[in-house]
Amino acid sequence: MTRIVKEPEERKNELIDIAEQLFIAHGYEQTAISDIVREANVSQGAFYYYFESKEDVLVAVIEKKIALMENDFQLIAERSDLDEAAKLNSMINSFICISTSGKAIHGYIHQAKNSALQKKLMRARPFARIAPIMARVIFSGCKKGRFDVLRPLETSYLLLMMIGYAYHMFYQNEAFRESNDIDRKNREFQESMRGAMEDLIGRALGVNDYKFVIMEI
């Protein structure tokens, strides 16, 4: 098959998209670099021009998701039809709402054996891109007397870190990954997370009537 010449950035993004699709369809460990280049109709040399390893393309997949989340946060913050509490609900749901197909990737990342990969992903500093946007919403709520927060930015970082840690522990749980009733486990986790988020966010924002609505995970 004739290979089509594409601009470097376009080719790189194509490799990232194809890798993500294959990771979701077959699992990260079951996908080889040869599978990615065959699907993209490029040589292995072309793959290594952009990425040093399969792990590096996985990091690129996650970085793409972070960029999409940052854009989502910005769009939510700019909405005029939502109050600050509703905006926070939407932002946090954007952060935690992982599609069913994407769980296989997240499950792999959060396994205890992949601590080096987790550290590499943290160097992408996802919270540094989204916490300031959340902080502006909290600050706006404070100006209106809805919230009582002394340090909106630090509060945003802490909220995101605690939510992220909860999911990290959830996906590390072998009992969950090997359960024959994943849907039930998901529902139980969803309700547990909803209650915890309602209490945590309410306390962090200094309000006692905060209601958190969690979307389907």
N, C-alpha and C. Protein backbone atom coordinates (compact mmCIF):
# COMPACT_ATOMS: atom_id res chain seq x y z
N MET A 1 0.85 -1.20 0.00
CA MET A 1 0.00 0.00 0.00
C MET A 1 0.88 1.25 0.00
N THR A 2 0.55 2.20 -0.85
CA THR A 2 1.33 3.43 -0.94
C THR A 2 1.16 4.26 0.32
N ARG A 3 2.28 4.72 0.86
CA ARG A 3 2.22 5.55 2.06
C ARG A 3 1.99 7.00 1.69
N ILE A 4 1.12 7.64 2.42
CA ILE A 4 0.77 9.03 2.17
C ILE A 4 1.67 9.93 2.99
N VAL A 5 2.25 10.92 2.33
CA VAL A 5 3.13 11.86 3.03
C VAL A 5 2.26 12.90 3.74
N LYS A 6 2.53 13.09 5.05
CA LYS A 6 1.76 14.06 5.84
C LYS A 6 2.71 14.96 6.59
N GLU A 7 2.22 16.13 6.99
CA GLU A 7 3.01 17.04 7.80
C GLU A 7 3.36 16.36 9.13
N PRO A 8 4.54 16.66 9.69
CA PRO A 8 5.00 15.97 10.91
C PRO A 8 3.99 16.03 12.07
N GLU A 9 3.39 17.20 12.32
CA GLU A 9 2.47 17.30 13.44
C GLU A 9 1.20 16.50 13.17
N GLU A 10 0.76 16.51 11.92
CA GLU A 10 -0.42 15.73 11.56
C GLU A 10 -0.14 14.24 11.72
N ARG A 11 1.04 13.80 11.30
CA ARG A 11 1.40 12.39 11.43
C ARG A 11 1.52 11.99 12.89
N LYS A 12 2.12 12.83 13.69
CA LYS A 12 2.25 12.53 15.12
C LYS A 12 0.88 12.38 15.78
N ASN A 13 -0.01 13.31 15.49
CA ASN A 13 -1.35 13.25 16.07
C ASN A 13 -2.11 12.01 15.60
N GLU A 14 -1.87 11.62 14.36
CA GLU A 14 -2.51 10.41 13.84
C GLU A 14 -2.01 9.18 14.60
N LEU A 15 -0.72 9.11 14.85
CA LEU A 15 -0.16 7.99 15.61
C LEU A 15 -0.74 7.94 17.02
N ILE A 16 -0.90 9.11 17.64
CA ILE A 16 -1.48 9.17 18.99
C ILE A 16 -2.92 8.66 18.96
N ASP A 17 -3.70 9.11 17.99
CA ASP A 17 -5.11 8.70 17.90
C ASP A 17 -5.23 7.20 17.64
N ILE A 18 -4.41 6.69 16.74
CA ILE A 18 -4.46 5.25 16.42
C ILE A 18 -4.02 4.43 17.62
N ALA A 19 -2.96 4.87 18.31
CA ALA A 19 -2.50 4.16 19.50
C ALA A 19 -3.60 4.11 20.56
N GLU A 20 -4.28 5.23 20.76
CA GLU A 20 -5.37 5.27 21.75
C GLU A 20 -6.47 4.28 21.38
N GLN A 21 -6.85 4.26 20.11
CA GLN A 21 -7.90 3.34 19.68
C GLN A 21 -7.51 1.89 19.91
N LEU A 22 -6.26 1.56 19.61
CA LEU A 22 -5.79 0.18 19.80
C LEU A 22 -5.66 -0.18 21.27
N PHE A 23 -5.21 0.77 22.10
CA PHE A 23 -5.10 0.51 23.54
C PHE A 23 -6.49 0.22 24.12
N ILE A 24 -7.48 0.97 23.67
CA ILE A 24 -8.84 0.79 24.16
C ILE A 24 -9.42 -0.54 23.67
N ALA A 25 -9.18 -0.84 22.39
CA ALA A 25 -9.76 -2.04 21.79
C ALA A 25 -9.11 -3.33 22.29
N HIS A 26 -7.79 -3.31 22.47
CA HIS A 26 -7.07 -4.55 22.77
C HIS A 26 -6.33 -4.54 24.10
N GLY A 27 -6.20 -3.36 24.71
CA GLY A 27 -5.42 -3.25 25.93
C GLY A 27 -4.01 -2.76 25.63
N TYR A 28 -3.44 -2.01 26.55
CA TYR A 28 -2.10 -1.45 26.33
C TYR A 28 -1.06 -2.55 26.17
N GLU A 29 -1.06 -3.50 27.07
CA GLU A 29 -0.03 -4.54 27.05
C GLU A 29 -0.16 -5.45 25.83
N GLN A 30 -1.36 -5.59 25.31
CA GLN A 30 -1.58 -6.48 24.16
C GLN A 30 -1.32 -5.78 22.82
N THR A 31 -1.09 -4.47 22.86
CA THR A 31 -0.84 -3.71 21.64
C THR A 31 0.66 -3.53 21.45
N ALA A 32 1.16 -3.92 20.29
CA ALA A 32 2.58 -3.76 19.98
C ALA A 32 2.79 -2.54 19.08
N ILE A 33 4.00 -2.03 19.08
CA ILE A 33 4.32 -0.91 18.19
C ILE A 33 4.05 -1.30 16.74
N SER A 34 4.32 -2.57 16.41
CA SER A 34 4.06 -3.03 15.04
C SER A 34 2.59 -2.91 14.68
N ASP A 35 1.70 -3.09 15.67
CA ASP A 35 0.26 -2.93 15.41
C ASP A 35 -0.06 -1.47 15.07
N ILE A 36 0.56 -0.57 15.81
CA ILE A 36 0.30 0.86 15.60
C ILE A 36 0.78 1.31 14.23
N VAL A 37 2.01 0.93 13.88
CA VAL A 37 2.55 1.39 12.58
C VAL A 37 1.82 0.73 11.42
N ARG A 38 1.39 -0.51 11.61
CA ARG A 38 0.63 -1.17 10.54
C ARG A 38 -0.70 -0.46 10.30
N GLU A 39 -1.38 -0.09 11.39
CA GLU A 39 -2.66 0.61 11.27
C GLU A 39 -2.47 2.00 10.66
N ALA A 40 -1.35 2.64 10.99
CA ALA A 40 -1.07 4.00 10.48
C ALA A 40 -0.43 3.97 9.10
N ASN A 41 -0.02 2.78 8.66
CA ASN A 41 0.64 2.62 7.36
C ASN A 41 1.93 3.45 7.29
N VAL A 42 2.75 3.31 8.34
CA VAL A 42 4.06 3.96 8.37
C VAL A 42 5.10 2.93 8.78
N SER A 43 6.35 3.28 8.66
CA SER A 43 7.43 2.38 9.08
C SER A 43 7.68 2.52 10.58
N GLN A 44 8.34 1.52 11.17
CA GLN A 44 8.69 1.63 12.58
C GLN A 44 9.66 2.80 12.80
N GLY A 45 10.47 3.07 11.78
CA GLY A 45 11.39 4.21 11.88
C GLY A 45 10.62 5.52 12.03
N ALA A 46 9.51 5.62 11.32
CA ALA A 46 8.68 6.83 11.45
C ALA A 46 8.11 6.95 12.85
N PHE A 47 7.71 5.82 13.43
CA PHE A 47 7.19 5.84 14.80
C PHE A 47 8.27 6.36 15.75
N TYR A 48 9.48 5.82 15.63
CA TYR A 48 10.55 6.19 16.55
C TYR A 48 11.07 7.61 16.30
N TYR A 49 10.69 8.20 15.19
CA TYR A 49 11.02 9.61 14.95
C TYR A 49 10.25 10.49 15.94
N TYR A 50 9.04 10.07 16.29
CA TYR A 50 8.18 10.86 17.18
C TYR A 50 8.21 10.37 18.63
N PHE A 51 8.39 9.08 18.83
CA PHE A 51 8.30 8.51 20.18
C PHE A 51 9.45 7.55 20.43
N GLU A 52 9.96 7.58 21.65
CA GLU A 52 11.05 6.68 22.00
C GLU A 52 10.58 5.27 22.32
N SER A 53 9.31 5.15 22.72
CA SER A 53 8.80 3.85 23.15
C SER A 53 7.27 3.86 23.10
N LYS A 54 6.70 2.69 23.32
CA LYS A 54 5.23 2.59 23.40
C LYS A 54 4.73 3.35 24.62
N GLU A 55 5.51 3.36 25.69
CA GLU A 55 5.13 4.10 26.90
C GLU A 55 5.02 5.59 26.60
N ASP A 56 5.93 6.09 25.75
CA ASP A 56 5.90 7.51 25.41
C ASP A 56 4.64 7.89 24.64
N VAL A 57 4.16 6.99 23.78
CA VAL A 57 2.94 7.32 23.05
C VAL A 57 1.73 7.25 23.98
N LEU A 58 1.80 6.39 25.00
CA LEU A 58 0.73 6.37 26.01
C LEU A 58 0.69 7.69 26.77
N VAL A 59 1.86 8.21 27.12
CA VAL A 59 1.92 9.52 27.78
C VAL A 59 1.32 10.59 26.88
N ALA A 60 1.59 10.51 25.59
CA ALA A 60 1.03 11.48 24.65
C ALA A 60 -0.48 11.37 24.58
N VAL A 61 -1.01 10.16 24.68
CA VAL A 61 -2.46 9.96 24.70
C VAL A 61 -3.07 10.67 25.91
N ILE A 62 -2.44 10.50 27.08
CA ILE A 62 -2.95 11.12 28.30
C ILE A 62 -2.82 12.64 28.22
N GLU A 63 -1.71 13.13 27.67
CA GLU A 63 -1.52 14.58 27.54
C GLU A 63 -2.59 15.19 26.63
N LYS A 64 -2.99 14.44 25.61
CA LYS A 64 -4.07 14.91 24.73
C LYS A 64 -5.37 15.04 25.51
N LYS A 65 -5.63 14.08 26.38
CA LYS A 65 -6.84 14.13 27.20
C LYS A 65 -6.79 15.30 28.18
N ILE A 66 -5.61 15.60 28.71
CA ILE A 66 -5.46 16.73 29.62
C ILE A 66 -5.78 18.04 28.89
N ALA A 67 -5.30 18.16 27.65
CA ALA A 67 -5.56 19.36 26.86
C ALA A 67 -7.06 19.51 26.59
N LEU A 68 -7.72 18.40 26.30
CA LEU A 68 -9.17 18.45 26.08
C LEU A 68 -9.90 18.84 27.35
N MET A 69 -9.42 18.33 28.50
CA MET A 69 -10.04 18.67 29.78
C MET A 69 -9.85 20.15 30.09
N GLU A 70 -8.66 20.67 29.80
CA GLU A 70 -8.41 22.09 30.03
C GLU A 70 -9.38 22.95 29.21
N ASN A 71 -9.58 22.57 27.97
CA ASN A 71 -10.52 23.30 27.12
C ASN A 71 -11.94 23.18 27.66
N ASP A 72 -12.30 21.99 28.15
CA ASP A 72 -13.62 21.78 28.71
C ASP A 72 -13.83 22.66 29.94
N PHE A 73 -12.83 22.72 30.82
CA PHE A 73 -12.91 23.57 32.02
C PHE A 73 -13.13 25.03 31.63
N GLN A 74 -12.40 25.46 30.60
CA GLN A 74 -12.50 26.86 30.19
C GLN A 74 -13.90 27.17 29.66
N LEU A 75 -14.46 26.26 28.88
CA LEU A 75 -15.81 26.46 28.35
C LEU A 75 -16.84 26.50 29.47
N ILE A 76 -16.67 25.64 30.47
CA ILE A 76 -17.59 25.63 31.61
C ILE A 76 -17.49 26.94 32.38
N ALA A 77 -16.26 27.40 32.62
CA ALA A 77 -16.05 28.64 33.37
C ALA A 77 -16.70 29.84 32.70
N GLU A 78 -16.79 29.81 31.38
CA GLU A 78 -17.32 30.94 30.63
C GLU A 78 -18.84 30.90 30.47
N ARG A 79 -19.47 29.82 30.91
CA ARG A 79 -20.92 29.71 30.75
C ARG A 79 -21.64 30.71 31.65
N SER A 80 -22.60 31.42 31.08
CA SER A 80 -23.36 32.41 31.83
C SER A 80 -24.66 31.84 32.41
N ASP A 81 -25.00 30.61 32.00
CA ASP A 81 -26.26 30.01 32.47
C ASP A 81 -26.08 29.15 33.71
N LEU A 82 -24.87 29.06 34.25
CA LEU A 82 -24.59 28.25 35.43
C LEU A 82 -24.07 29.13 36.56
N ASP A 83 -24.50 28.84 37.79
CA ASP A 83 -23.88 29.53 38.92
C ASP A 83 -22.58 28.82 39.27
N GLU A 84 -21.85 29.37 40.23
CA GLU A 84 -20.52 28.84 40.53
C GLU A 84 -20.55 27.40 41.03
N ALA A 85 -21.56 27.05 41.83
CA ALA A 85 -21.66 25.67 42.33
C ALA A 85 -21.89 24.69 41.17
N ALA A 86 -22.75 25.06 40.25
CA ALA A 86 -23.03 24.20 39.09
C ALA A 86 -21.79 24.07 38.20
N LYS A 87 -21.03 25.16 38.08
CA LYS A 87 -19.80 25.10 37.29
C LYS A 87 -18.80 24.13 37.92
N LEU A 88 -18.67 24.19 39.24
CA LEU A 88 -17.76 23.26 39.91
C LEU A 88 -18.21 21.82 39.72
N ASN A 89 -19.51 21.59 39.83
CA ASN A 89 -20.02 20.24 39.59
C ASN A 89 -19.61 19.75 38.20
N SER A 90 -19.80 20.60 37.20
CA SER A 90 -19.48 20.22 35.83
C SER A 90 -17.99 19.98 35.65
N MET A 91 -17.16 20.83 36.26
CA MET A 91 -15.72 20.66 36.15
C MET A 91 -15.25 19.35 36.79
N ILE A 92 -15.76 19.07 37.98
CA ILE A 92 -15.34 17.86 38.67
C ILE A 92 -15.82 16.62 37.93
N ASN A 93 -17.02 16.69 37.37
CA ASN A 93 -17.50 15.57 36.56
C ASN A 93 -16.63 15.37 35.33
N SER A 94 -16.19 16.47 34.73
CA SER A 94 -15.30 16.38 33.58
C SER A 94 -14.00 15.69 33.98
N PHE A 95 -13.55 15.95 35.19
CA PHE A 95 -12.30 15.38 35.70
C PHE A 95 -12.43 13.89 35.98
N ILE A 96 -13.57 13.48 36.54
CA ILE A 96 -13.69 12.09 36.99
C ILE A 96 -14.50 11.18 36.07
N CYS A 97 -15.20 11.77 35.11
CA CYS A 97 -16.08 10.95 34.28
C CYS A 97 -15.26 10.28 33.18
N ILE A 98 -14.88 9.04 33.42
CA ILE A 98 -14.06 8.28 32.49
C ILE A 98 -14.97 7.37 31.68
N SER A 99 -14.85 7.42 30.38
CA SER A 99 -15.70 6.58 29.54
C SER A 99 -15.39 5.12 29.78
N THR A 100 -16.37 4.28 29.53
CA THR A 100 -16.20 2.84 29.75
C THR A 100 -15.01 2.31 28.96
N SER A 101 -14.85 2.75 27.73
CA SER A 101 -13.74 2.26 26.91
C SER A 101 -12.39 2.72 27.43
N GLY A 102 -12.36 3.89 28.09
CA GLY A 102 -11.09 4.41 28.57
C GLY A 102 -10.63 3.80 29.88
N LYS A 103 -11.48 3.04 30.54
CA LYS A 103 -11.11 2.48 31.83
C LYS A 103 -9.96 1.50 31.73
N ALA A 104 -9.85 0.79 30.61
CA ALA A 104 -8.77 -0.17 30.46
C ALA A 104 -7.41 0.53 30.51
N ILE A 105 -7.33 1.71 29.88
CA ILE A 105 -6.08 2.47 29.90
C ILE A 105 -5.78 2.96 31.30
N HIS A 106 -6.78 3.56 31.97
CA HIS A 106 -6.58 4.08 33.31
C HIS A 106 -6.27 2.96 34.29
N GLY A 107 -6.95 1.83 34.10
CA GLY A 107 -6.69 0.69 34.97
C GLY A 107 -5.25 0.23 34.87
N TYR A 108 -4.70 0.23 33.66
CA TYR A 108 -3.30 -0.17 33.48
C TYR A 108 -2.37 0.83 34.13
N ILE A 109 -2.61 2.12 33.88
CA ILE A 109 -1.74 3.17 34.42
C ILE A 109 -1.65 3.10 35.94
N HIS A 110 -2.79 2.82 36.59
CA HIS A 110 -2.85 2.90 38.04
C HIS A 110 -2.47 1.61 38.75
N GLN A 111 -2.00 0.62 38.01
CA GLN A 111 -1.50 -0.57 38.67
C GLN A 111 -0.22 -0.24 39.42
N ALA A 112 -0.03 -0.88 40.56
CA ALA A 112 1.11 -0.56 41.42
C ALA A 112 2.45 -0.74 40.71
N LYS A 113 2.51 -1.69 39.79
CA LYS A 113 3.77 -1.98 39.10
C LYS A 113 4.20 -0.85 38.16
N ASN A 114 3.30 0.08 37.87
CA ASN A 114 3.59 1.13 36.90
C ASN A 114 3.88 2.48 37.55
N SER A 115 4.55 2.46 38.69
CA SER A 115 4.84 3.70 39.41
C SER A 115 5.71 4.65 38.59
N ALA A 116 6.64 4.09 37.79
CA ALA A 116 7.51 4.94 36.97
C ALA A 116 6.69 5.69 35.92
N LEU A 117 5.72 4.99 35.34
CA LEU A 117 4.84 5.62 34.36
C LEU A 117 3.99 6.70 35.02
N GLN A 118 3.51 6.44 36.23
CA GLN A 118 2.70 7.42 36.96
C GLN A 118 3.51 8.69 37.21
N LYS A 119 4.79 8.53 37.56
CA LYS A 119 5.65 9.68 37.81
C LYS A 119 5.87 10.47 36.52
N LYS A 120 6.03 9.75 35.42
CA LYS A 120 6.23 10.42 34.14
C LYS A 120 4.99 11.24 33.76
N LEU A 121 3.82 10.68 34.03
CA LEU A 121 2.58 11.39 33.72
C LEU A 121 2.41 12.62 34.61
N MET A 122 2.84 12.52 35.86
CA MET A 122 2.72 13.66 36.75
C MET A 122 3.60 14.82 36.30
N ARG A 123 4.67 14.52 35.56
CA ARG A 123 5.53 15.60 35.05
C ARG A 123 4.81 16.43 34.00
N ALA A 124 3.72 15.89 33.47
CA ALA A 124 2.90 16.67 32.54
C ALA A 124 2.12 17.76 33.27
N ARG A 125 2.11 17.70 34.61
CA ARG A 125 1.50 18.69 35.49
C ARG A 125 0.05 19.00 35.08
N PRO A 126 -0.80 17.97 35.08
CA PRO A 126 -2.19 18.22 34.66
C PRO A 126 -2.92 19.22 35.55
N PHE A 127 -2.65 19.20 36.86
CA PHE A 127 -3.35 20.09 37.76
C PHE A 127 -2.98 21.55 37.52
N ALA A 128 -1.74 21.79 37.07
CA ALA A 128 -1.30 23.16 36.82
C ALA A 128 -2.07 23.79 35.67
N ARG A 129 -2.66 22.97 34.82
CA ARG A 129 -3.40 23.49 33.68
C ARG A 129 -4.87 23.72 34.00
N ILE A 130 -5.42 22.96 34.95
CA ILE A 130 -6.85 23.07 35.20
C ILE A 130 -7.21 23.71 36.54
N ALA A 131 -6.31 23.60 37.53
CA ALA A 131 -6.62 24.17 38.85
C ALA A 131 -6.84 25.68 38.80
N PRO A 132 -6.04 26.46 38.05
CA PRO A 132 -6.29 27.91 38.02
C PRO A 132 -7.66 28.27 37.47
N ILE A 133 -8.18 27.47 36.52
CA ILE A 133 -9.50 27.75 35.97
C ILE A 133 -10.56 27.51 37.04
N MET A 134 -10.43 26.40 37.77
CA MET A 134 -11.35 26.11 38.86
C MET A 134 -11.26 27.19 39.94
N ALA A 135 -10.05 27.66 40.20
CA ALA A 135 -9.85 28.68 41.24
C ALA A 135 -10.59 29.97 40.91
N ARG A 136 -10.64 30.32 39.63
CA ARG A 136 -11.35 31.54 39.24
C ARG A 136 -12.85 31.42 39.52
N VAL A 137 -13.38 30.23 39.33
CA VAL A 137 -14.80 29.99 39.62
C VAL A 137 -15.04 30.09 41.12
N ILE A 138 -14.16 29.51 41.92
CA ILE A 138 -14.29 29.58 43.38
C ILE A 138 -14.18 31.02 43.85
N PHE A 139 -13.23 31.76 43.28
CA PHE A 139 -13.05 33.16 43.65
C PHE A 139 -14.31 33.97 43.35
N SER A 140 -14.91 33.70 42.18
CA SER A 140 -16.15 34.39 41.81
C SER A 140 -17.25 34.07 42.81
N GLY A 141 -17.33 32.80 43.24
CA GLY A 141 -18.33 32.42 44.23
C GLY A 141 -18.10 33.10 45.57
N CYS A 142 -16.85 33.31 45.92
CA CYS A 142 -16.52 34.01 47.17
C CYS A 142 -16.95 35.48 47.09
N LYS A 143 -16.73 36.12 45.96
CA LYS A 143 -17.11 37.52 45.79
C LYS A 143 -18.62 37.70 45.92
N LYS A 144 -19.37 36.68 45.51
CA LYS A 144 -20.82 36.75 45.60
C LYS A 144 -21.36 36.29 46.95
N GLY A 145 -20.45 35.88 47.85
CA GLY A 145 -20.87 35.44 49.17
C GLY A 145 -21.37 34.01 49.22
N ARG A 146 -21.22 33.27 48.11
CA ARG A 146 -21.70 31.88 48.07
C ARG A 146 -20.70 30.95 48.77
N PHE A 147 -19.41 31.19 48.56
CA PHE A 147 -18.37 30.37 49.15
C PHE A 147 -17.57 31.18 50.16
N ASP A 148 -16.86 30.48 51.03
CA ASP A 148 -15.98 31.12 52.02
C ASP A 148 -14.64 30.41 51.99
N VAL A 149 -13.77 30.88 51.08
CA VAL A 149 -12.48 30.23 50.85
C VAL A 149 -11.39 31.31 50.88
N LEU A 150 -10.35 31.07 51.68
CA LEU A 150 -9.27 32.04 51.77
C LEU A 150 -8.28 31.90 50.62
N ARG A 151 -8.05 30.67 50.16
CA ARG A 151 -7.05 30.42 49.12
C ARG A 151 -7.67 29.57 47.99
N PRO A 152 -8.35 30.20 47.05
CA PRO A 152 -9.03 29.45 45.98
C PRO A 152 -8.11 28.54 45.17
N LEU A 153 -6.90 29.02 44.84
CA LEU A 153 -6.01 28.20 44.01
C LEU A 153 -5.55 26.96 44.77
N GLU A 154 -5.11 27.14 46.00
CA GLU A 154 -4.65 26.00 46.80
C GLU A 154 -5.80 25.02 47.04
N THR A 155 -7.00 25.56 47.27
CA THR A 155 -8.18 24.71 47.47
C THR A 155 -8.45 23.89 46.21
N SER A 156 -8.32 24.50 45.04
CA SER A 156 -8.54 23.78 43.78
C SER A 156 -7.54 22.64 43.61
N TYR A 157 -6.27 22.93 43.87
CA TYR A 157 -5.24 21.88 43.78
C TYR A 157 -5.56 20.72 44.72
N LEU A 158 -5.93 21.03 45.96
CA LEU A 158 -6.20 19.98 46.94
C LEU A 158 -7.40 19.13 46.53
N LEU A 159 -8.46 19.78 46.06
CA LEU A 159 -9.64 19.04 45.62
C LEU A 159 -9.29 18.08 44.49
N LEU A 160 -8.58 18.57 43.49
CA LEU A 160 -8.23 17.74 42.35
C LEU A 160 -7.29 16.61 42.75
N MET A 161 -6.35 16.90 43.63
CA MET A 161 -5.42 15.87 44.08
C MET A 161 -6.13 14.78 44.85
N MET A 162 -7.07 15.15 45.71
CA MET A 162 -7.78 14.15 46.50
C MET A 162 -8.71 13.31 45.63
N ILE A 163 -9.36 13.94 44.66
CA ILE A 163 -10.21 13.19 43.74
C ILE A 163 -9.35 12.23 42.91
N GLY A 164 -8.24 12.74 42.42
CA GLY A 164 -7.34 11.90 41.63
C GLY A 164 -6.80 10.73 42.44
N TYR A 165 -6.48 10.97 43.71
CA TYR A 165 -5.96 9.89 44.56
C TYR A 165 -7.03 8.83 44.79
N ALA A 166 -8.29 9.27 44.97
CA ALA A 166 -9.38 8.31 45.17
C ALA A 166 -9.50 7.39 43.98
N TYR A 167 -9.37 7.94 42.77
CA TYR A 167 -9.46 7.10 41.58
C TYR A 167 -8.24 6.21 41.43
N HIS A 168 -7.09 6.72 41.82
CA HIS A 168 -5.87 5.92 41.78
C HIS A 168 -6.03 4.67 42.64
N MET A 169 -6.55 4.82 43.85
CA MET A 169 -6.75 3.68 44.75
C MET A 169 -7.83 2.75 44.20
N PHE A 170 -8.85 3.33 43.58
CA PHE A 170 -9.94 2.53 43.02
C PHE A 170 -9.42 1.61 41.93
N TYR A 171 -8.60 2.14 41.02
CA TYR A 171 -8.12 1.34 39.91
C TYR A 171 -6.98 0.40 40.30
N GLN A 172 -6.35 0.62 41.45
CA GLN A 172 -5.34 -0.30 41.94
C GLN A 172 -5.96 -1.52 42.59
N ASN A 173 -7.24 -1.45 42.92
CA ASN A 173 -7.90 -2.50 43.68
C ASN A 173 -8.10 -3.74 42.79
N GLU A 174 -7.33 -4.79 43.07
CA GLU A 174 -7.40 -6.01 42.27
C GLU A 174 -8.76 -6.67 42.41
N ALA A 175 -9.37 -6.56 43.59
CA ALA A 175 -10.69 -7.17 43.80
C ALA A 175 -11.70 -6.56 42.84
N PHE A 176 -11.56 -5.25 42.59
CA PHE A 176 -12.46 -4.61 41.64
C PHE A 176 -12.17 -5.07 40.21
N ARG A 177 -10.90 -5.06 39.82
CA ARG A 177 -10.54 -5.40 38.45
C ARG A 177 -10.93 -6.82 38.09
N GLU A 178 -10.91 -7.72 39.09
CA GLU A 178 -11.20 -9.13 38.84
C GLU A 178 -12.64 -9.50 39.18
N SER A 179 -13.44 -8.50 39.56
CA SER A 179 -14.82 -8.78 39.96
C SER A 179 -15.65 -9.23 38.76
N ASN A 180 -16.59 -10.15 39.02
CA ASN A 180 -17.50 -10.60 37.98
C ASN A 180 -18.70 -9.67 37.84
N ASP A 181 -18.79 -8.68 38.73
CA ASP A 181 -19.92 -7.76 38.71
C ASP A 181 -19.39 -6.32 38.70
N ILE A 182 -18.73 -5.97 37.61
CA ILE A 182 -18.11 -4.66 37.48
C ILE A 182 -19.15 -3.55 37.56
N ASP A 183 -20.32 -3.76 36.94
CA ASP A 183 -21.35 -2.72 36.94
C ASP A 183 -21.80 -2.40 38.37
N ARG A 184 -21.99 -3.41 39.18
CA ARG A 184 -22.39 -3.17 40.57
C ARG A 184 -21.29 -2.44 41.32
N LYS A 185 -20.05 -2.87 41.12
CA LYS A 185 -18.92 -2.20 41.77
C LYS A 185 -18.86 -0.73 41.36
N ASN A 186 -19.12 -0.49 40.08
CA ASN A 186 -19.11 0.88 39.58
C ASN A 186 -20.18 1.72 40.27
N ARG A 187 -21.39 1.15 40.39
CA ARG A 187 -22.48 1.89 41.02
C ARG A 187 -22.17 2.19 42.49
N GLU A 188 -21.62 1.20 43.18
CA GLU A 188 -21.27 1.38 44.59
C GLU A 188 -20.20 2.47 44.72
N PHE A 189 -19.21 2.41 43.84
CA PHE A 189 -18.14 3.40 43.89
C PHE A 189 -18.68 4.78 43.55
N GLN A 190 -19.57 4.84 42.57
CA GLN A 190 -20.14 6.12 42.15
C GLN A 190 -20.88 6.79 43.30
N GLU A 191 -21.71 6.02 44.03
CA GLU A 191 -22.47 6.60 45.13
C GLU A 191 -21.54 6.98 46.28
N SER A 192 -20.54 6.14 46.53
CA SER A 192 -19.56 6.47 47.58
C SER A 192 -18.82 7.75 47.23
N MET A 193 -18.41 7.87 45.97
CA MET A 193 -17.69 9.06 45.52
C MET A 193 -18.59 10.29 45.59
N ARG A 194 -19.85 10.15 45.20
CA ARG A 194 -20.76 11.29 45.22
C ARG A 194 -20.92 11.84 46.64
N GLY A 195 -21.15 10.94 47.61
CA GLY A 195 -21.29 11.39 48.99
C GLY A 195 -20.02 12.02 49.52
N ALA A 196 -18.89 11.40 49.20
CA ALA A 196 -17.61 11.93 49.67
C ALA A 196 -17.32 13.30 49.06
N MET A 197 -17.61 13.46 47.76
CA MET A 197 -17.38 14.73 47.09
C MET A 197 -18.28 15.82 47.66
N GLU A 198 -19.53 15.48 47.94
CA GLU A 198 -20.46 16.46 48.50
C GLU A 198 -19.95 16.97 49.83
N ASP A 199 -19.50 16.06 50.67
CA ASP A 199 -18.99 16.45 51.98
C ASP A 199 -17.68 17.22 51.86
N LEU A 200 -16.77 16.69 51.04
CA LEU A 200 -15.46 17.32 50.88
C LEU A 200 -15.57 18.72 50.30
N ILE A 201 -16.32 18.85 49.21
CA ILE A 201 -16.42 20.15 48.55
C ILE A 201 -17.16 21.15 49.43
N GLY A 202 -18.22 20.68 50.09
CA GLY A 202 -18.95 21.57 50.99
C GLY A 202 -18.06 22.12 52.08
N ARG A 203 -17.25 21.25 52.68
CA ARG A 203 -16.34 21.70 53.74
C ARG A 203 -15.26 22.64 53.18
N ALA A 204 -14.72 22.27 52.02
CA ALA A 204 -13.65 23.08 51.43
C ALA A 204 -14.14 24.48 51.05
N LEU A 205 -15.41 24.57 50.64
CA LEU A 205 -15.95 25.85 50.20
C LEU A 205 -16.63 26.63 51.32
N GLY A 206 -16.71 26.02 52.50
CA GLY A 206 -17.30 26.71 53.64
C GLY A 206 -18.80 26.86 53.56
N VAL A 207 -19.49 25.87 52.96
CA VAL A 207 -20.95 25.91 52.86
C VAL A 207 -21.52 24.59 53.38
N ASN A 208 -22.73 24.64 53.90
CA ASN A 208 -23.33 23.43 54.46
C ASN A 208 -24.51 22.92 53.65
N ASP A 209 -24.75 23.52 52.49
CA ASP A 209 -25.88 23.07 51.67
C ASP A 209 -25.44 22.71 50.26
N TYR A 210 -24.17 22.32 50.12
CA TYR A 210 -23.64 22.00 48.79
C TYR A 210 -24.15 20.63 48.35
N LYS A 211 -24.68 20.56 47.17
CA LYS A 211 -25.17 19.30 46.60
C LYS A 211 -24.34 18.93 45.37
N PHE A 212 -23.74 17.76 45.44
CA PHE A 212 -22.91 17.33 44.33
C PHE A 212 -23.63 16.26 43.52
N VAL A 213 -23.71 16.48 42.23
CA VAL A 213 -24.34 15.51 41.31
C VAL A 213 -23.26 14.89 40.46
N ILE A 214 -23.16 13.58 40.51
CA ILE A 214 -22.13 12.91 39.75
C ILE A 214 -22.75 12.27 38.51
N MET A 215 -22.10 12.43 37.39
CA MET A 215 -22.58 11.84 36.15
C MET A 215 -22.18 10.37 36.10
N GLU A 216 -22.71 9.66 35.11
CA GLU A 216 -22.37 8.25 34.95
C GLU A 216 -20.90 8.09 34.66
N ILE A 217 -20.24 7.21 35.42
CA ILE A 217 -18.80 6.97 35.23
C ILE A 217 -18.59 5.89 34.18
